[in-house]
Amino acid sequence: MDGPGELWLYPNGTRILELANKCKPEEAFQVIAEARAFLSGREVNLTGEQQTRTRTALDFFPKQLAEMKDCCKS
């Protein structure tokens, strides 16, 4: 597998692995198959809920901030 990747770790234990691969259109299905095999061989769950890191961050951090504000009011 050849391409950039990012691993995001959230304070609640949520992990997001974001990968990017480039290939010619005619190679797409082969590249996908190889990427899935590579990740499966490393016990990466490929069947979990999929959501972008941006959406996850927008859902997660406002809730955390609200909880912190509520906590500090007392």
N, C-alpha and C. Protein backbone atom coordinates (compact mmCIF):
# COMPACT_ATOMS: atom_id res chain seq x y z
N MET A 1 0.85 -1.16 0.00
CA MET A 1 0.00 0.00 0.00
C MET A 1 0.89 1.22 0.00
N ASP A 2 0.61 2.14 -0.89
CA ASP A 2 1.47 3.31 -1.02
C ASP A 2 0.60 4.55 -1.07
N GLY A 3 0.65 5.33 -0.04
CA GLY A 3 -0.11 6.57 0.00
C GLY A 3 -0.10 7.13 1.41
N PRO A 4 -0.48 8.39 1.55
CA PRO A 4 -0.47 9.02 2.87
C PRO A 4 -1.60 8.48 3.74
N GLY A 5 -1.40 8.54 5.03
CA GLY A 5 -2.42 8.12 5.98
C GLY A 5 -2.34 8.95 7.25
N GLU A 6 -3.45 9.00 7.96
CA GLU A 6 -3.51 9.71 9.24
C GLU A 6 -4.28 8.85 10.21
N LEU A 7 -3.83 8.81 11.45
CA LEU A 7 -4.55 8.14 12.52
C LEU A 7 -4.94 9.21 13.53
N TRP A 8 -6.24 9.31 13.77
CA TRP A 8 -6.78 10.28 14.73
C TRP A 8 -7.22 9.52 15.97
N LEU A 9 -6.78 9.96 17.12
CA LEU A 9 -7.14 9.36 18.41
C LEU A 9 -7.92 10.38 19.22
N TYR A 10 -9.12 10.00 19.62
CA TYR A 10 -9.98 10.89 20.41
C TYR A 10 -9.91 10.50 21.88
N PRO A 11 -10.14 11.46 22.79
CA PRO A 11 -10.06 11.18 24.22
C PRO A 11 -10.99 10.07 24.71
N ASN A 12 -12.08 9.81 23.99
CA ASN A 12 -13.01 8.75 24.40
C ASN A 12 -12.62 7.37 23.86
N GLY A 13 -11.47 7.27 23.21
CA GLY A 13 -11.00 6.00 22.68
C GLY A 13 -11.33 5.76 21.21
N THR A 14 -12.12 6.64 20.61
CA THR A 14 -12.45 6.51 19.20
C THR A 14 -11.18 6.70 18.38
N ARG A 15 -11.03 5.86 17.36
CA ARG A 15 -9.89 5.96 16.47
C ARG A 15 -10.38 6.05 15.04
N ILE A 16 -9.77 6.92 14.26
CA ILE A 16 -10.11 7.05 12.85
C ILE A 16 -8.82 6.91 12.05
N LEU A 17 -8.84 6.01 11.11
CA LEU A 17 -7.72 5.82 10.20
C LEU A 17 -8.17 6.31 8.84
N GLU A 18 -7.48 7.31 8.32
CA GLU A 18 -7.82 7.86 7.01
C GLU A 18 -6.66 7.62 6.07
N LEU A 19 -6.95 6.99 4.95
CA LEU A 19 -5.93 6.65 3.98
C LEU A 19 -6.26 7.26 2.63
N ALA A 20 -5.22 7.50 1.84
CA ALA A 20 -5.41 7.99 0.47
C ALA A 20 -4.49 7.17 -0.44
N ASN A 21 -5.02 6.78 -1.55
CA ASN A 21 -4.25 6.05 -2.55
C ASN A 21 -4.51 6.66 -3.92
N LYS A 22 -3.52 6.66 -4.74
CA LYS A 22 -3.68 7.14 -6.11
C LYS A 22 -3.37 5.99 -7.05
N CYS A 23 -4.15 5.93 -8.11
CA CYS A 23 -3.90 4.91 -9.12
C CYS A 23 -4.62 5.31 -10.40
N LYS A 24 -4.30 4.60 -11.44
CA LYS A 24 -4.99 4.81 -12.70
C LYS A 24 -6.40 4.23 -12.58
N PRO A 25 -7.37 4.81 -13.27
CA PRO A 25 -8.75 4.30 -13.16
C PRO A 25 -8.86 2.81 -13.42
N GLU A 26 -8.12 2.32 -14.38
CA GLU A 26 -8.22 0.89 -14.70
C GLU A 26 -7.59 -0.01 -13.62
N GLU A 27 -6.85 0.58 -12.68
CA GLU A 27 -6.24 -0.18 -11.59
C GLU A 27 -7.04 -0.10 -10.29
N ALA A 28 -8.12 0.66 -10.29
CA ALA A 28 -8.85 0.96 -9.05
C ALA A 28 -9.28 -0.28 -8.28
N PHE A 29 -9.92 -1.23 -8.94
CA PHE A 29 -10.41 -2.40 -8.22
C PHE A 29 -9.28 -3.25 -7.66
N GLN A 30 -8.19 -3.34 -8.37
CA GLN A 30 -7.03 -4.08 -7.87
C GLN A 30 -6.42 -3.38 -6.66
N VAL A 31 -6.29 -2.07 -6.73
CA VAL A 31 -5.72 -1.31 -5.62
C VAL A 31 -6.62 -1.43 -4.38
N ILE A 32 -7.94 -1.36 -4.59
CA ILE A 32 -8.87 -1.51 -3.46
C ILE A 32 -8.72 -2.89 -2.83
N ALA A 33 -8.66 -3.91 -3.66
CA ALA A 33 -8.53 -5.28 -3.14
C ALA A 33 -7.22 -5.44 -2.36
N GLU A 34 -6.14 -4.89 -2.87
CA GLU A 34 -4.86 -4.99 -2.17
C GLU A 34 -4.88 -4.20 -0.86
N ALA A 35 -5.49 -3.04 -0.87
CA ALA A 35 -5.57 -2.23 0.36
C ALA A 35 -6.40 -2.95 1.42
N ARG A 36 -7.53 -3.52 1.02
CA ARG A 36 -8.37 -4.26 1.97
C ARG A 36 -7.61 -5.46 2.54
N ALA A 37 -6.90 -6.17 1.69
CA ALA A 37 -6.12 -7.32 2.16
C ALA A 37 -5.03 -6.88 3.13
N PHE A 38 -4.35 -5.80 2.82
CA PHE A 38 -3.29 -5.27 3.68
C PHE A 38 -3.85 -4.92 5.05
N LEU A 39 -4.96 -4.19 5.06
CA LEU A 39 -5.54 -3.74 6.33
C LEU A 39 -6.13 -4.92 7.11
N SER A 40 -6.79 -5.82 6.44
CA SER A 40 -7.35 -7.00 7.11
C SER A 40 -6.25 -7.83 7.74
N GLY A 41 -5.13 -7.94 7.06
CA GLY A 41 -3.99 -8.68 7.59
C GLY A 41 -3.40 -8.06 8.83
N ARG A 42 -3.75 -6.84 9.10
CA ARG A 42 -3.28 -6.13 10.30
C ARG A 42 -4.41 -5.90 11.28
N GLU A 43 -5.47 -6.67 11.11
CA GLU A 43 -6.63 -6.66 12.00
C GLU A 43 -7.34 -5.32 12.09
N VAL A 44 -7.33 -4.55 11.01
CA VAL A 44 -8.09 -3.30 10.95
C VAL A 44 -9.53 -3.66 10.60
N ASN A 45 -10.47 -3.21 11.41
CA ASN A 45 -11.89 -3.49 11.18
C ASN A 45 -12.37 -2.69 9.97
N LEU A 46 -12.79 -3.40 8.94
CA LEU A 46 -13.25 -2.74 7.72
C LEU A 46 -14.77 -2.68 7.63
N THR A 47 -15.46 -3.21 8.64
CA THR A 47 -16.91 -3.24 8.60
C THR A 47 -17.56 -2.26 9.56
N GLY A 48 -16.77 -1.52 10.31
CA GLY A 48 -17.32 -0.57 11.27
C GLY A 48 -17.97 0.61 10.59
N GLU A 49 -18.66 1.40 11.39
CA GLU A 49 -19.30 2.61 10.87
C GLU A 49 -18.23 3.50 10.24
N GLN A 50 -18.53 4.02 9.07
CA GLN A 50 -17.57 4.89 8.41
C GLN A 50 -18.09 6.32 8.44
N GLN A 51 -17.22 7.20 8.87
CA GLN A 51 -17.55 8.62 8.96
C GLN A 51 -16.25 9.39 8.79
N THR A 52 -16.32 10.54 8.18
CA THR A 52 -15.11 11.32 7.97
C THR A 52 -14.59 11.86 9.30
N ARG A 53 -13.31 12.14 9.33
CA ARG A 53 -12.72 12.70 10.57
C ARG A 53 -13.32 14.07 10.87
N THR A 54 -13.65 14.84 9.84
CA THR A 54 -14.24 16.16 10.06
C THR A 54 -15.59 16.03 10.74
N ARG A 55 -16.45 15.15 10.25
CA ARG A 55 -17.77 14.95 10.85
C ARG A 55 -17.62 14.47 12.28
N THR A 56 -16.71 13.55 12.52
CA THR A 56 -16.49 13.03 13.87
C THR A 56 -16.05 14.15 14.80
N ALA A 57 -15.13 14.98 14.36
CA ALA A 57 -14.65 16.09 15.19
C ALA A 57 -15.76 17.09 15.46
N LEU A 58 -16.56 17.39 14.45
CA LEU A 58 -17.66 18.35 14.63
C LEU A 58 -18.73 17.81 15.57
N ASP A 59 -18.90 16.50 15.62
CA ASP A 59 -19.85 15.90 16.55
C ASP A 59 -19.27 15.78 17.95
N PHE A 60 -17.99 15.45 18.05
CA PHE A 60 -17.38 15.13 19.33
C PHE A 60 -17.03 16.36 20.16
N PHE A 61 -16.29 17.29 19.60
CA PHE A 61 -15.71 18.36 20.40
C PHE A 61 -16.71 19.38 20.94
N PRO A 62 -17.77 19.75 20.22
CA PRO A 62 -18.74 20.65 20.85
C PRO A 62 -19.40 20.03 22.09
N LYS A 63 -19.65 18.74 22.06
CA LYS A 63 -20.21 18.06 23.24
C LYS A 63 -19.24 18.13 24.41
N GLN A 64 -17.97 17.89 24.14
CA GLN A 64 -16.95 17.95 25.19
C GLN A 64 -16.85 19.35 25.77
N LEU A 65 -16.88 20.35 24.92
CA LEU A 65 -16.80 21.73 25.37
C LEU A 65 -18.01 22.09 26.24
N ALA A 66 -19.19 21.68 25.81
CA ALA A 66 -20.41 21.95 26.60
C ALA A 66 -20.32 21.30 27.97
N GLU A 67 -19.84 20.06 28.01
CA GLU A 67 -19.69 19.37 29.30
C GLU A 67 -18.69 20.09 30.19
N MET A 68 -17.61 20.61 29.62
CA MET A 68 -16.62 21.34 30.40
C MET A 68 -17.20 22.63 30.94
N LYS A 69 -17.99 23.33 30.13
CA LYS A 69 -18.61 24.58 30.58
C LYS A 69 -19.58 24.31 31.73
N ASP A 70 -20.39 23.23 31.60
CA ASP A 70 -21.34 22.88 32.65
C ASP A 70 -20.61 22.52 33.94
N CYS A 71 -19.53 21.82 33.82
CA CYS A 71 -18.75 21.39 34.97
C CYS A 71 -18.17 22.58 35.72
N CYS A 72 -17.74 23.59 34.99
CA CYS A 72 -17.05 24.74 35.60
C CYS A 72 -18.02 25.76 36.19
N LYS A 73 -19.31 25.66 35.90
CA LYS A 73 -20.30 26.60 36.41
C LYS A 73 -20.54 26.42 37.90
N SER A 74 -20.36 25.21 38.42
CA SER A 74 -20.68 24.95 39.82
C SER A 74 -19.64 25.49 40.75
